Amino acid sequence: MSQPRHIVQQTPGLPTSDGAGVKLTRIIGSPEINMVDPFLLLDTFESDQPGDYIGGFPSHPHRGFQTVTYLLEGRMRHKDSVGHEGVIEPGGVQWMSAGRGVVHSEMPEQENGLLFGFQLWVNLPASEKMSAPDYQEFPAAQLPVQTLENGGTVKVIAGKTDQGTVGPVHIAATDPLYFDVRLEAQDSFQQAIADTHAGFVYVIEGGVTIGEDVLEKSLGVLGDGDFIDVQAGPKGARFLLIAGKRLDEPVARGGPFVMNTKAEIVQAFEDYNTGQF
């Protein structure tokens, strides 16, 4: 028998900074919510003040997980040590698998205006942590948008809607679902989510009810179940719906590295310091 998922924890995140002084809000990866397996971190950044973002994220290493950058406004240039370079435009996404190791930079491709987006970290299973780096990068025009009956929309980055719209990103290990959903006032949205997956919603605009209210600029962690029923508030809503298969593996963190043991973290630092990635 189907079981609806309800909100079991909420947070507006914690203001912080990272990179070269970029102001952001850390939503997952904080003392409030350490992780939602397989998701290790979720940051949002939103400012039209250049001083809040202009320093960007100069060259830094990663190993053992994936970074997902989704921009709503602004432009970011990505460049890395394995020869990949590109610009993420408004509405575009880059899903990078660091695997055994990359050194990359993420710098604003603008000197003024609004920069607004999200970075999500997705863990890799032990069997794939030392895999070759990989990229799935798509501009807004290549991300399918499904229109709902009452005028809402679902942009599908990863996963498949109940109506059959499929996103271009495919990750076998975590089988992720990543939707950007817009609902009209008082409209509703239903979506199956496998009971093997953990997930959350982040409300960008308006408010939603999923058993309980989730306010604008807040994250709600979903409890167990196999589908979600979202009701928009009187002003409508825009939210991210993200879910992925739980890995249920030990997690060892060391700054920009995420492995399964402390010894592997020590090895990652040694490999980086000796120029091996």
Protein backbone atom coordinates (compact mmCIF):
# COMPACT_ATOMS: atom_id res chain seq x y z
CA MET A 1 0.00 0.00 0.00
CA SER A 2 1.39 3.42 -0.94
CA GLN A 3 2.67 5.64 1.85
CA PRO A 4 2.99 9.42 1.47
CA ARG A 5 6.20 11.07 2.59
CA HIS A 6 5.96 13.85 5.16
CA ILE A 7 8.42 16.45 6.40
CA VAL A 8 10.53 15.18 9.32
CA GLN A 9 12.98 18.08 9.68
CA GLN A 10 13.18 21.68 8.49
CA THR A 11 15.89 24.33 8.32
CA PRO A 12 16.48 27.71 6.68
CA GLY A 13 20.20 26.89 6.65
CA LEU A 14 23.08 28.81 8.17
CA PRO A 15 24.69 31.93 6.64
CA THR A 16 28.39 31.39 5.96
CA SER A 17 31.06 32.04 3.34
CA ASP A 18 33.31 29.82 1.26
CA GLY A 19 35.82 30.08 -1.54
CA ALA A 20 37.26 33.61 -1.73
CA GLY A 21 34.64 35.14 0.53
CA VAL A 22 31.50 34.13 -1.37
CA LYS A 23 28.47 34.66 0.86
CA LEU A 24 26.09 31.71 0.87
CA THR A 25 23.65 29.73 2.98
CA ARG A 26 24.64 26.19 3.95
CA ILE A 27 21.50 24.09 4.10
CA ILE A 28 22.89 20.54 4.21
CA GLY A 29 26.37 19.92 5.62
CA SER A 30 25.83 21.99 8.76
CA PRO A 31 25.44 21.17 12.46
CA GLU A 32 21.67 21.21 11.90
CA ILE A 33 21.60 18.68 9.04
CA ASN A 34 24.90 16.88 8.49
CA MET A 35 23.73 14.92 5.43
CA VAL A 36 20.72 13.33 3.79
CA ASP A 37 22.34 10.18 2.38
CA PRO A 38 23.54 10.30 -0.41
CA PHE A 39 23.54 14.12 -0.28
CA LEU A 40 26.51 15.58 1.59
CA LEU A 41 26.00 19.31 1.13
CA LEU A 42 23.58 21.85 -0.29
CA ASP A 43 24.54 25.52 -0.58
CA THR A 44 22.52 28.36 -2.06
CA PHE A 45 23.94 31.72 -3.09
CA GLU A 46 21.82 34.72 -4.05
CA SER A 47 23.09 38.28 -4.25
CA ASP A 48 23.16 41.25 -6.59
CA GLN A 49 26.06 42.75 -4.64
CA PRO A 50 29.32 41.91 -6.49
CA GLY A 51 31.30 41.96 -3.25
CA ASP A 52 29.30 38.95 -2.09
CA TYR A 53 30.42 36.72 -4.97
CA ILE A 54 33.10 38.32 -7.13
CA GLY A 55 35.97 36.37 -5.47
CA GLY A 56 34.42 33.10 -6.63
CA PHE A 57 35.93 29.72 -5.88
CA PRO A 58 39.58 29.70 -7.01
CA SER A 59 41.34 26.40 -7.79
CA HIS A 60 40.64 23.68 -5.21
CA PRO A 61 40.66 19.87 -5.27
CA HIS A 62 37.91 17.27 -4.89
CA ARG A 63 37.85 13.49 -4.59
CA GLY A 64 35.20 10.88 -3.90
CA PHE A 65 31.92 12.61 -4.75
CA GLN A 66 29.98 14.66 -7.30
CA THR A 67 29.28 18.38 -7.42
CA VAL A 68 26.08 19.65 -9.03
CA THR A 69 25.86 23.35 -9.90
CA TYR A 70 22.44 24.67 -10.96
CA LEU A 71 22.17 28.35 -11.84
CA LEU A 72 18.94 30.32 -11.84
CA GLU A 73 20.55 33.69 -12.59
CA GLY A 74 24.06 34.78 -13.56
CA ARG A 75 26.99 33.02 -15.22
CA MET A 76 29.82 30.92 -13.76
CA ARG A 77 32.97 29.70 -15.54
CA HIS A 78 34.30 26.26 -14.64
CA LYS A 79 37.86 25.19 -15.43
CA ASP A 80 39.74 22.14 -14.23
CA SER A 81 42.96 20.14 -14.27
CA VAL A 82 41.76 17.51 -16.73
CA GLY A 83 41.07 19.93 -19.57
CA HIS A 84 37.40 20.70 -19.13
CA GLU A 85 36.21 24.31 -19.31
CA GLY A 86 32.82 25.89 -19.80
CA VAL A 87 30.34 28.52 -18.69
CA ILE A 88 27.14 27.66 -16.83
CA GLU A 89 24.38 30.02 -18.01
CA PRO A 90 21.01 30.84 -16.36
CA GLY A 91 18.90 27.70 -16.09
CA GLY A 92 21.83 25.42 -16.87
CA VAL A 93 23.36 22.61 -14.83
CA GLN A 94 26.74 20.94 -14.51
CA TRP A 95 26.93 17.51 -12.83
CA MET A 96 30.62 16.78 -12.23
CA SER A 97 31.97 13.53 -10.85
CA ALA A 98 35.33 14.26 -9.23
CA GLY A 99 36.08 10.55 -8.89
CA ARG A 100 39.73 9.94 -8.02
CA GLY A 101 40.53 13.64 -8.20
CA VAL A 102 40.27 16.97 -10.00
CA VAL A 103 41.46 20.48 -9.26
CA HIS A 104 38.95 23.02 -10.48
CA SER A 105 37.85 26.62 -10.18
CA GLU A 106 34.39 28.15 -10.34
CA MET A 107 34.47 31.87 -11.02
CA PRO A 108 31.68 34.35 -11.77
CA GLU A 109 31.56 35.30 -15.43
CA GLN A 110 30.08 38.70 -14.52
CA GLU A 111 31.14 41.82 -12.66
CA ASN A 112 27.69 42.91 -11.51
CA GLY A 113 24.07 41.78 -11.44
CA LEU A 114 22.34 38.92 -9.68
CA LEU A 115 24.10 35.59 -9.12
CA PHE A 116 21.64 32.99 -7.84
CA GLY A 117 22.01 29.24 -7.73
CA PHE A 118 22.72 26.04 -5.85
CA GLN A 119 25.57 23.62 -5.35
CA LEU A 120 24.77 20.08 -4.27
CA TRP A 121 27.32 17.41 -3.28
CA VAL A 122 26.33 13.83 -4.02
CA ASN A 123 28.32 10.99 -2.51
CA LEU A 124 29.84 8.22 -4.61
CA PRO A 125 29.84 4.59 -3.46
CA ALA A 126 33.18 3.10 -2.37
CA SER A 127 33.38 1.19 -5.65
CA GLU A 128 33.36 4.45 -7.68
CA LYS A 129 35.34 6.86 -5.51
CA MET A 130 38.53 6.29 -7.53
CA SER A 131 36.83 6.35 -10.93
CA ALA A 132 37.86 8.73 -13.72
CA PRO A 133 36.41 12.26 -13.53
CA ASP A 134 33.25 12.69 -15.58
CA TYR A 135 30.89 15.51 -16.58
CA GLN A 136 27.27 15.84 -17.58
CA GLU A 137 26.62 19.47 -18.51
CA PHE A 138 23.42 20.84 -20.04
CA PRO A 139 22.20 24.34 -20.90
CA ALA A 140 18.62 25.32 -20.07
CA ALA A 141 17.46 24.53 -23.62
CA GLN A 142 18.40 20.87 -23.17
CA LEU A 143 16.51 20.40 -19.90
CA PRO A 144 12.94 19.21 -20.61
CA VAL A 145 10.05 21.15 -19.06
CA GLN A 146 6.75 19.39 -18.45
CA THR A 147 3.59 21.49 -18.25
CA LEU A 148 1.11 20.55 -15.54
CA GLU A 149 -2.68 20.58 -15.92
CA ASN A 150 -3.22 23.81 -13.97
CA GLY A 151 -0.37 25.74 -15.60
CA GLY A 152 2.54 24.77 -13.40
CA THR A 153 5.77 23.33 -14.78
CA VAL A 154 8.41 20.73 -13.89
CA LYS A 155 11.95 21.18 -15.22
CA VAL A 156 13.56 17.75 -15.13
CA ILE A 157 17.33 17.61 -14.63
CA ALA A 158 17.51 14.00 -13.46
CA GLY A 159 14.97 11.26 -12.97
CA LYS A 160 11.55 10.64 -14.48
CA THR A 161 8.22 12.27 -13.67
CA ASP A 162 5.09 10.20 -13.17
CA GLN A 163 3.97 11.51 -16.57
CA GLY A 164 7.10 10.12 -18.26
CA THR A 165 9.33 13.20 -18.74
CA VAL A 166 12.97 12.12 -18.36
CA GLY A 167 15.90 14.34 -17.42
CA PRO A 168 19.22 14.13 -19.31
CA VAL A 169 21.40 13.40 -16.27
CA HIS A 170 21.85 9.70 -15.50
CA ILE A 171 23.78 8.42 -12.47
CA ALA A 172 23.45 4.67 -11.91
CA ALA A 173 24.80 4.50 -8.34
CA THR A 174 22.33 6.93 -6.74
CA ASP A 175 19.57 7.04 -9.40
CA PRO A 176 18.89 10.71 -8.58
CA LEU A 177 15.76 12.74 -9.08
CA TYR A 178 16.28 16.51 -9.47
CA PHE A 179 13.21 18.61 -10.37
CA ASP A 180 12.60 22.36 -10.42
CA VAL A 181 8.83 22.66 -9.88
CA ARG A 182 6.56 25.70 -10.25
CA LEU A 183 2.96 25.53 -9.01
CA GLU A 184 0.10 27.99 -9.30
CA ALA A 185 -1.73 29.12 -6.17
CA GLN A 186 -3.33 26.22 -4.27
CA ASP A 187 -2.23 23.75 -6.96
CA SER A 188 -0.90 20.30 -6.09
CA PHE A 189 1.83 18.01 -7.39
CA GLN A 190 2.32 14.28 -6.88
CA GLN A 191 5.41 12.24 -7.64
CA ALA A 192 6.51 8.69 -6.89
CA ILE A 193 9.83 8.38 -5.07
CA ALA A 194 11.23 4.89 -4.53
CA ASP A 195 11.38 3.83 -0.88
CA THR A 196 15.11 3.13 -1.38
CA HIS A 197 15.68 6.89 -1.78
CA ALA A 198 16.12 9.74 0.69
CA GLY A 199 15.06 13.20 -0.37
CA PHE A 200 14.11 16.78 0.40
CA VAL A 201 12.42 19.86 -0.96
CA TYR A 202 13.85 23.37 -0.94
CA VAL A 203 11.29 26.16 -1.36
CA ILE A 204 12.65 28.91 -3.61
CA GLU A 205 9.50 31.03 -3.70
CA GLY A 206 6.11 30.93 -1.97
CA GLY A 207 5.30 28.06 0.35
CA VAL A 208 4.15 24.43 0.26
CA THR A 209 2.44 21.93 2.49
CA ILE A 210 3.71 18.34 2.66
CA GLY A 211 1.97 17.13 5.79
CA GLU A 212 3.16 20.40 7.34
CA ASP A 213 4.05 23.81 5.97
CA VAL A 214 7.48 24.52 4.48
CA LEU A 215 8.16 28.24 4.15
CA GLU A 216 10.04 30.20 1.50
CA LYS A 217 13.84 29.80 1.61
CA SER A 218 13.57 26.67 3.76
CA LEU A 219 14.47 23.02 3.29
CA GLY A 220 12.25 20.17 4.35
CA VAL A 221 13.68 16.65 4.71
CA LEU A 222 11.27 13.94 3.58
CA GLY A 223 10.50 10.96 5.75
CA ASP A 224 9.91 7.40 4.60
CA GLY A 225 7.31 6.56 1.98
CA ASP A 226 6.99 5.97 -1.74
CA PHE A 227 5.38 9.16 -3.05
CA ILE A 228 5.09 12.87 -2.32
CA ASP A 229 1.98 15.08 -2.41
CA VAL A 230 2.80 18.80 -2.45
CA GLN A 231 0.19 21.52 -2.02
CA ALA A 232 1.14 25.07 -2.99
CA GLY A 233 0.14 27.99 -0.81
CA PRO A 234 -1.98 31.04 -1.72
CA LYS A 235 0.91 32.68 -3.58
CA GLY A 236 1.91 29.57 -5.50
CA ALA A 237 5.34 28.00 -5.12
CA ARG A 238 8.63 27.20 -6.75
CA PHE A 239 10.73 24.45 -5.20
CA LEU A 240 13.47 21.93 -5.85
CA LEU A 241 12.56 18.29 -5.31
CA ILE A 242 15.70 16.18 -4.96
CA ALA A 243 16.04 12.51 -4.04
CA GLY A 244 18.61 9.75 -4.41
CA LYS A 245 19.28 6.14 -3.50
CA ARG A 246 20.82 5.76 -0.04
CA LEU A 247 24.34 4.34 -0.09
CA ASP A 248 24.41 3.31 3.59
CA GLU A 249 28.22 3.41 3.68
CA PRO A 250 30.66 4.96 6.18
CA VAL A 251 31.45 8.59 5.40
CA ALA A 252 34.82 10.20 6.18
CA ARG A 253 35.16 13.90 5.36
CA GLY A 254 38.31 15.93 5.07
CA GLY A 255 37.70 19.38 3.61
CA PRO A 256 37.33 18.90 -0.16
CA PHE A 257 37.58 15.09 0.04
CA VAL A 258 34.87 12.56 0.97
CA MET A 259 35.91 8.94 1.37
CA ASN A 260 34.93 5.93 3.50
CA THR A 261 37.82 5.92 6.01
CA LYS A 262 40.17 8.41 7.63
CA ALA A 263 43.12 6.57 6.07
CA GLU A 264 41.66 7.27 2.62
CA ILE A 265 41.35 10.97 3.50
CA VAL A 266 45.01 11.05 4.54
CA GLN A 267 45.91 9.38 1.24
CA ALA A 268 43.86 11.94 -0.69
CA PHE A 269 45.77 14.82 0.89
CA GLU A 270 49.07 13.05 0.19
CA ASP A 271 48.11 12.44 -3.45
CA TYR A 272 47.07 16.07 -3.89
CA ASN A 273 50.20 17.44 -2.22
CA THR A 274 52.43 15.29 -4.45
CA GLY A 275 50.68 16.42 -7.63
CA GLN A 276 48.89 13.19 -8.44
CA PHE A 277 45.65 14.94 -9.41
